[in-house]
């Protein structure tokens, strides 16, 4: 999970349960691979209603 997205979540305080980056994409924090380009991935915002919405799109 990118730290910038966590900081944004804390600053904006949306009505949400949390964030998720499914699948451990290459290039996401902690999943960097030397010589490999970053995968495109979405940070998802999970709401208490059970819905999820895109919070950020990164990489790629």
PDB file of N, CA and C in Angstrom:
ATOM      1  N   UNK A   1       0.848  -1.164   0.000  1.00  0.00           N
ATOM      2  CA  UNK A   1       0.000   0.000   0.000  1.00  0.00           C
ATOM      3  C   UNK A   1       0.896   1.231   0.000  1.00  0.00           C
ATOM      4  N   UNK A   2       0.741   2.100  -0.975  1.00  0.00           N
ATOM      5  CA  UNK A   2       1.535   3.322  -0.992  1.00  0.00           C
ATOM      6  C   UNK A   2       1.219   4.218   0.212  1.00  0.00           C
ATOM      7  N   UNK A   3       2.270   4.710   0.863  1.00  0.00           N
ATOM      8  CA  UNK A   3       2.101   5.568   2.033  1.00  0.00           C
ATOM      9  C   UNK A   3       1.284   6.815   1.700  1.00  0.00           C
ATOM     10  N   UNK A   4       1.458   7.342   0.493  1.00  0.00           N
ATOM     11  CA  UNK A   4       0.714   8.544   0.100  1.00  0.00           C
ATOM     12  C   UNK A   4      -0.794   8.295   0.115  1.00  0.00           C
ATOM     13  N   UNK A   5      -1.208   7.097  -0.236  1.00  0.00           N
ATOM     14  CA  UNK A   5      -2.643   6.793  -0.227  1.00  0.00           C
ATOM     15  C   UNK A   5      -3.174   6.647   1.195  1.00  0.00           C
ATOM     16  N   UNK A   6      -2.358   6.113   2.089  1.00  0.00           N
ATOM     17  CA  UNK A   6      -2.766   6.027   3.499  1.00  0.00           C
ATOM     18  C   UNK A   6      -2.894   7.435   4.078  1.00  0.00           C
ATOM     19  N   UNK A   7      -1.926   8.306   3.782  1.00  0.00           N
ATOM     20  CA  UNK A   7      -1.991   9.682   4.262  1.00  0.00           C
ATOM     21  C   UNK A   7      -3.216  10.399   3.708  1.00  0.00           C
ATOM     22  N   UNK A   8      -3.516  10.162   2.434  1.00  0.00           N
ATOM     23  CA  UNK A   8      -4.700  10.775   1.818  1.00  0.00           C
ATOM     24  C   UNK A   8      -5.977  10.292   2.505  1.00  0.00           C
ATOM     25  N   UNK A   9      -6.060   8.991   2.784  1.00  0.00           N
ATOM     26  CA  UNK A   9      -7.223   8.426   3.472  1.00  0.00           C
ATOM     27  C   UNK A   9      -7.406   9.087   4.834  1.00  0.00           C
ATOM     28  N   UNK A  10      -6.316   9.246   5.571  1.00  0.00           N
ATOM     29  CA  UNK A  10      -6.397   9.858   6.901  1.00  0.00           C
ATOM     30  C   UNK A  10      -6.769  11.336   6.831  1.00  0.00           C
ATOM     31  N   UNK A  11      -6.313  12.017   5.794  1.00  0.00           N
ATOM     32  CA  UNK A  11      -6.622  13.443   5.643  1.00  0.00           C
ATOM     33  C   UNK A  11      -8.057  13.675   5.194  1.00  0.00           C
ATOM     34  N   UNK A  12      -8.518  12.852   4.238  1.00  0.00           N
ATOM     35  CA  UNK A  12      -9.869  13.044   3.686  1.00  0.00           C
ATOM     36  C   UNK A  12     -10.958  12.459   4.564  1.00  0.00           C
ATOM     37  N   UNK A  13     -10.635  11.435   5.342  1.00  0.00           N
ATOM     38  CA  UNK A  13     -11.574  10.776   6.258  1.00  0.00           C
ATOM     39  C   UNK A  13     -12.896  10.381   5.600  1.00  0.00           C
ATOM     40  N   UNK A  14     -12.842   9.638   4.490  1.00  0.00           N
ATOM     41  CA  UNK A  14     -14.091   9.203   3.871  1.00  0.00           C
ATOM     42  C   UNK A  14     -14.785   8.157   4.752  1.00  0.00           C
ATOM     43  N   UNK A  15     -16.085   8.001   4.575  1.00  0.00           N
ATOM     44  CA  UNK A  15     -16.828   6.967   5.291  1.00  0.00           C
ATOM     45  C   UNK A  15     -16.443   5.632   4.668  1.00  0.00           C
ATOM     46  N   UNK A  16     -15.420   5.003   5.236  1.00  0.00           N
ATOM     47  CA  UNK A  16     -14.886   3.778   4.644  1.00  0.00           C
ATOM     48  C   UNK A  16     -14.299   2.882   5.714  1.00  0.00           C
ATOM     49  N   UNK A  17     -14.140   1.608   5.357  1.00  0.00           N
ATOM     50  CA  UNK A  17     -13.520   0.642   6.256  1.00  0.00           C
ATOM     51  C   UNK A  17     -12.016   0.571   6.060  1.00  0.00           C
ATOM     52  N   UNK A  18     -11.542   0.807   4.834  1.00  0.00           N
ATOM     53  CA  UNK A  18     -10.111   0.744   4.598  1.00  0.00           C
ATOM     54  C   UNK A  18      -9.763   0.665   3.134  1.00  0.00           C
ATOM     55  N   UNK A  19      -8.480   0.444   2.887  1.00  0.00           N
ATOM     56  CA  UNK A  19      -7.934   0.357   1.537  1.00  0.00           C
ATOM     57  C   UNK A  19      -7.342  -1.024   1.300  1.00  0.00           C
ATOM     58  N   UNK A  20      -7.257  -1.404   0.024  1.00  0.00           N
ATOM     59  CA  UNK A  20      -6.670  -2.689  -0.336  1.00  0.00           C
ATOM     60  C   UNK A  20      -6.015  -2.602  -1.704  1.00  0.00           C
ATOM     61  N   UNK A  21      -4.916  -3.349  -1.866  1.00  0.00           N
ATOM     62  CA  UNK A  21      -4.284  -3.538  -3.173  1.00  0.00           C
ATOM     63  C   UNK A  21      -4.193  -5.051  -3.350  1.00  0.00           C
ATOM     64  N   UNK A  22      -5.175  -5.659  -4.022  1.00  0.00           N
ATOM     65  CA  UNK A  22      -5.161  -7.111  -4.187  1.00  0.00           C
ATOM     66  C   UNK A  22      -4.079  -7.583  -5.160  1.00  0.00           C
ATOM     67  N   UNK A  23      -3.565  -8.757  -4.904  1.00  0.00           N
ATOM     68  CA  UNK A  23      -2.695  -9.437  -5.850  1.00  0.00           C
ATOM     69  C   UNK A  23      -1.219  -9.133  -5.763  1.00  0.00           C
ATOM     70  N   UNK A  24      -0.770  -8.283  -4.875  1.00  0.00           N
ATOM     71  CA  UNK A  24       0.642  -7.952  -4.714  1.00  0.00           C
ATOM     72  C   UNK A  24       1.323  -7.642  -6.052  1.00  0.00           C
ATOM     73  N   UNK A  25       0.867  -6.604  -6.759  1.00  0.00           N
ATOM     74  CA  UNK A  25       1.421  -6.294  -8.080  1.00  0.00           C
ATOM     75  C   UNK A  25       2.893  -5.858  -8.012  1.00  0.00           C
ATOM     76  N   UNK A  26       3.642  -6.223  -9.033  1.00  0.00           N
ATOM     77  CA  UNK A  26       5.045  -5.813  -9.117  1.00  0.00           C
ATOM     78  C   UNK A  26       5.104  -4.295  -9.172  1.00  0.00           C
ATOM     79  N   UNK A  27       5.972  -3.729  -8.349  1.00  0.00           N
ATOM     80  CA  UNK A  27       6.134  -2.279  -8.299  1.00  0.00           C
ATOM     81  C   UNK A  27       5.397  -1.622  -7.156  1.00  0.00           C
ATOM     82  N   UNK A  28       4.457  -2.333  -6.545  1.00  0.00           N
ATOM     83  CA  UNK A  28       3.807  -1.770  -5.361  1.00  0.00           C
ATOM     84  C   UNK A  28       4.810  -1.837  -4.203  1.00  0.00           C
ATOM     85  N   UNK A  29       4.641  -1.022  -3.159  1.00  0.00           N
ATOM     86  CA  UNK A  29       5.613  -1.014  -2.059  1.00  0.00           C
ATOM     87  C   UNK A  29       5.870  -2.414  -1.495  1.00  0.00           C
ATOM     88  N   UNK A  30       7.144  -2.767  -1.456  1.00  0.00           N
ATOM     89  CA  UNK A  30       7.543  -4.084  -0.968  1.00  0.00           C
ATOM     90  C   UNK A  30       7.549  -5.150  -2.042  1.00  0.00           C
ATOM     91  N   UNK A  31       7.066  -4.831  -3.226  1.00  0.00           N
ATOM     92  CA  UNK A  31       6.997  -5.811  -4.319  1.00  0.00           C
ATOM     93  C   UNK A  31       7.831  -5.353  -5.520  1.00  0.00           C
ATOM     94  N   UNK A  32       8.799  -4.484  -5.288  1.00  0.00           N
ATOM     95  CA  UNK A  32       9.665  -4.024  -6.363  1.00  0.00           C
ATOM     96  C   UNK A  32      10.572  -5.173  -6.799  1.00  0.00           C
ATOM     97  N   UNK A  33      10.789  -5.301  -8.106  1.00  0.00           N
ATOM     98  CA  UNK A  33      11.668  -6.325  -8.658  1.00  0.00           C
ATOM     99  C   UNK A  33      12.627  -5.623  -9.613  1.00  0.00           C
ATOM    100  N   UNK A  34      13.915  -5.703  -9.281  1.00  0.00           N
ATOM    101  CA  UNK A  34      14.924  -5.043 -10.106  1.00  0.00           C
ATOM    102  C   UNK A  34      14.838  -5.527 -11.547  1.00  0.00           C
ATOM    103  N   UNK A  35      14.813  -4.578 -12.472  1.00  0.00           N
ATOM    104  CA  UNK A  35      14.756  -4.907 -13.886  1.00  0.00           C
ATOM    105  C   UNK A  35      13.356  -5.181 -14.420  1.00  0.00           C
ATOM    106  N   UNK A  36      12.358  -5.171 -13.553  1.00  0.00           N
ATOM    107  CA  UNK A  36      10.968  -5.415 -13.970  1.00  0.00           C
ATOM    108  C   UNK A  36      10.189  -4.103 -13.934  1.00  0.00           C
ATOM    109  N   UNK A  37       9.452  -3.786 -14.983  1.00  0.00           N
ATOM    110  CA  UNK A  37       8.609  -2.592 -14.927  1.00  0.00           C
ATOM    111  C   UNK A  37       7.446  -2.799 -13.957  1.00  0.00           C
ATOM    112  N   UNK A  38       6.978  -1.706 -13.400  1.00  0.00           N
ATOM    113  CA  UNK A  38       5.857  -1.784 -12.459  1.00  0.00           C
ATOM    114  C   UNK A  38       4.572  -2.145 -13.195  1.00  0.00           C
ATOM    115  N   UNK A  39       3.768  -2.990 -12.552  1.00  0.00           N
ATOM    116  CA  UNK A  39       2.439  -3.306 -13.069  1.00  0.00           C
ATOM    117  C   UNK A  39       1.514  -2.119 -12.788  1.00  0.00           C
ATOM    118  N   UNK A  40       0.525  -1.944 -13.615  1.00  0.00           N
ATOM    119  CA  UNK A  40      -0.545  -0.995 -13.306  1.00  0.00           C
ATOM    120  C   UNK A  40      -1.435  -1.654 -12.256  1.00  0.00           C
ATOM    121  N   UNK A  41      -1.852  -0.886 -11.260  1.00  0.00           N
ATOM    122  CA  UNK A  41      -2.741  -1.458 -10.245  1.00  0.00           C
ATOM    123  C   UNK A  41      -3.636  -0.382  -9.651  1.00  0.00           C
ATOM    124  N   UNK A  42      -4.700  -0.846  -9.027  1.00  0.00           N
ATOM    125  CA  UNK A  42      -5.691   0.037  -8.411  1.00  0.00           C
ATOM    126  C   UNK A  42      -5.668  -0.148  -6.908  1.00  0.00           C
ATOM    127  N   UNK A  43      -5.699   0.960  -6.181  1.00  0.00           N
ATOM    128  CA  UNK A  43      -5.914   0.946  -4.731  1.00  0.00           C
ATOM    129  C   UNK A  43      -7.420   1.087  -4.547  1.00  0.00           C
ATOM    130  N   UNK A  44      -8.025   0.124  -3.858  1.00  0.00           N
ATOM    131  CA  UNK A  44      -9.484   0.112  -3.681  1.00  0.00           C
ATOM    132  C   UNK A  44      -9.869   0.619  -2.307  1.00  0.00           C
ATOM    133  N   UNK A  45     -10.946   1.396  -2.262  1.00  0.00           N
ATOM    134  CA  UNK A  45     -11.534   1.892  -1.030  1.00  0.00           C
ATOM    135  C   UNK A  45     -12.750   1.022  -0.710  1.00  0.00           C
ATOM    136  N   UNK A  46     -12.759   0.419   0.463  1.00  0.00           N
ATOM    137  CA  UNK A  46     -13.882  -0.425   0.884  1.00  0.00           C
ATOM    138  C   UNK A  46     -14.790   0.370   1.808  1.00  0.00           C
ATOM    139  N   UNK A  47     -16.070   0.401   1.444  1.00  0.00           N
ATOM    140  CA  UNK A  47     -17.049   1.163   2.212  1.00  0.00           C
ATOM    141  C   UNK A  47     -17.850   0.235   3.111  1.00  0.00           C
ATOM    142  N   UNK A  48     -18.440   0.784   4.168  1.00  0.00           N
ATOM    143  CA  UNK A  48     -19.198  -0.028   5.121  1.00  0.00           C
ATOM    144  C   UNK A  48     -20.415  -0.682   4.479  1.00  0.00           C
ATOM    145  N   UNK A  49     -20.862  -0.159   3.339  1.00  0.00           N
ATOM    146  CA  UNK A  49     -22.009  -0.741   2.633  1.00  0.00           C
ATOM    147  C   UNK A  49     -21.633  -2.033   1.911  1.00  0.00           C
ATOM    148  N   UNK A  50     -20.330  -2.321   1.858  1.00  0.00           N
ATOM    149  CA  UNK A  50     -19.873  -3.501   1.134  1.00  0.00           C
ATOM    150  C   UNK A  50     -19.373  -3.180  -0.263  1.00  0.00           C
ATOM    151  N   UNK A  51     -19.597  -1.951  -0.706  1.00  0.00           N
ATOM    152  CA  UNK A  51     -19.123  -1.544  -2.025  1.00  0.00           C
ATOM    153  C   UNK A  51     -17.644  -1.210  -1.967  1.00  0.00           C
ATOM    154  N   UNK A  52     -16.999  -1.295  -3.132  1.00  0.00           N
ATOM    155  CA  UNK A  52     -15.623  -0.831  -3.249  1.00  0.00           C
ATOM    156  C   UNK A  52     -15.554   0.116  -4.433  1.00  0.00           C
ATOM    157  N   UNK A  53     -14.721   1.117  -4.295  1.00  0.00           N
ATOM    158  CA  UNK A  53     -14.536   2.087  -5.366  1.00  0.00           C
ATOM    159  C   UNK A  53     -13.033   2.328  -5.543  1.00  0.00           C
ATOM    160  N   UNK A  54     -12.621   2.659  -6.761  1.00  0.00           N
ATOM    161  CA  UNK A  54     -11.197   2.959  -6.973  1.00  0.00           C
ATOM    162  C   UNK A  54     -10.800   4.218  -6.167  1.00  0.00           C
ATOM    163  N   UNK A  55      -9.690   4.127  -5.473  1.00  0.00           N
ATOM    164  CA  UNK A  55      -9.175   5.245  -4.682  1.00  0.00           C
ATOM    165  C   UNK A  55      -7.985   5.883  -5.388  1.00  0.00           C
ATOM    166  N   UNK A  56      -7.174   5.056  -6.064  1.00  0.00           N
ATOM    167  CA  UNK A  56      -6.017   5.544  -6.819  1.00  0.00           C
ATOM    168  C   UNK A  56      -5.642   4.490  -7.860  1.00  0.00           C
ATOM    169  N   UNK A  57      -5.100   4.943  -8.971  1.00  0.00           N
ATOM    170  CA  UNK A  57      -4.574   4.051 -10.006  1.00  0.00           C
ATOM    171  C   UNK A  57      -3.098   4.390 -10.177  1.00  0.00           C
ATOM    172  N   UNK A  58      -2.252   3.364 -10.088  1.00  0.00           N
ATOM    173  CA  UNK A  58      -0.807   3.571 -10.063  1.00  0.00           C
ATOM    174  C   UNK A  58      -0.077   2.590 -10.968  1.00  0.00           C
ATOM    175  N   UNK A  59       1.199   2.858 -11.167  1.00  0.00           N
ATOM    176  CA  UNK A  59       2.077   1.950 -11.892  1.00  0.00           C
ATOM    177  C   UNK A  59       1.799   1.905 -13.374  1.00  0.00           C
ATOM    178  N   UNK A  60       2.508   0.965 -14.002  1.00  0.00           N
ATOM    179  CA  UNK A  60       2.289   0.723 -15.417  1.00  0.00           C
ATOM    180  C   UNK A  60       2.886   1.661 -16.331  1.00  0.00           C
TER     181      UNK A  60
END
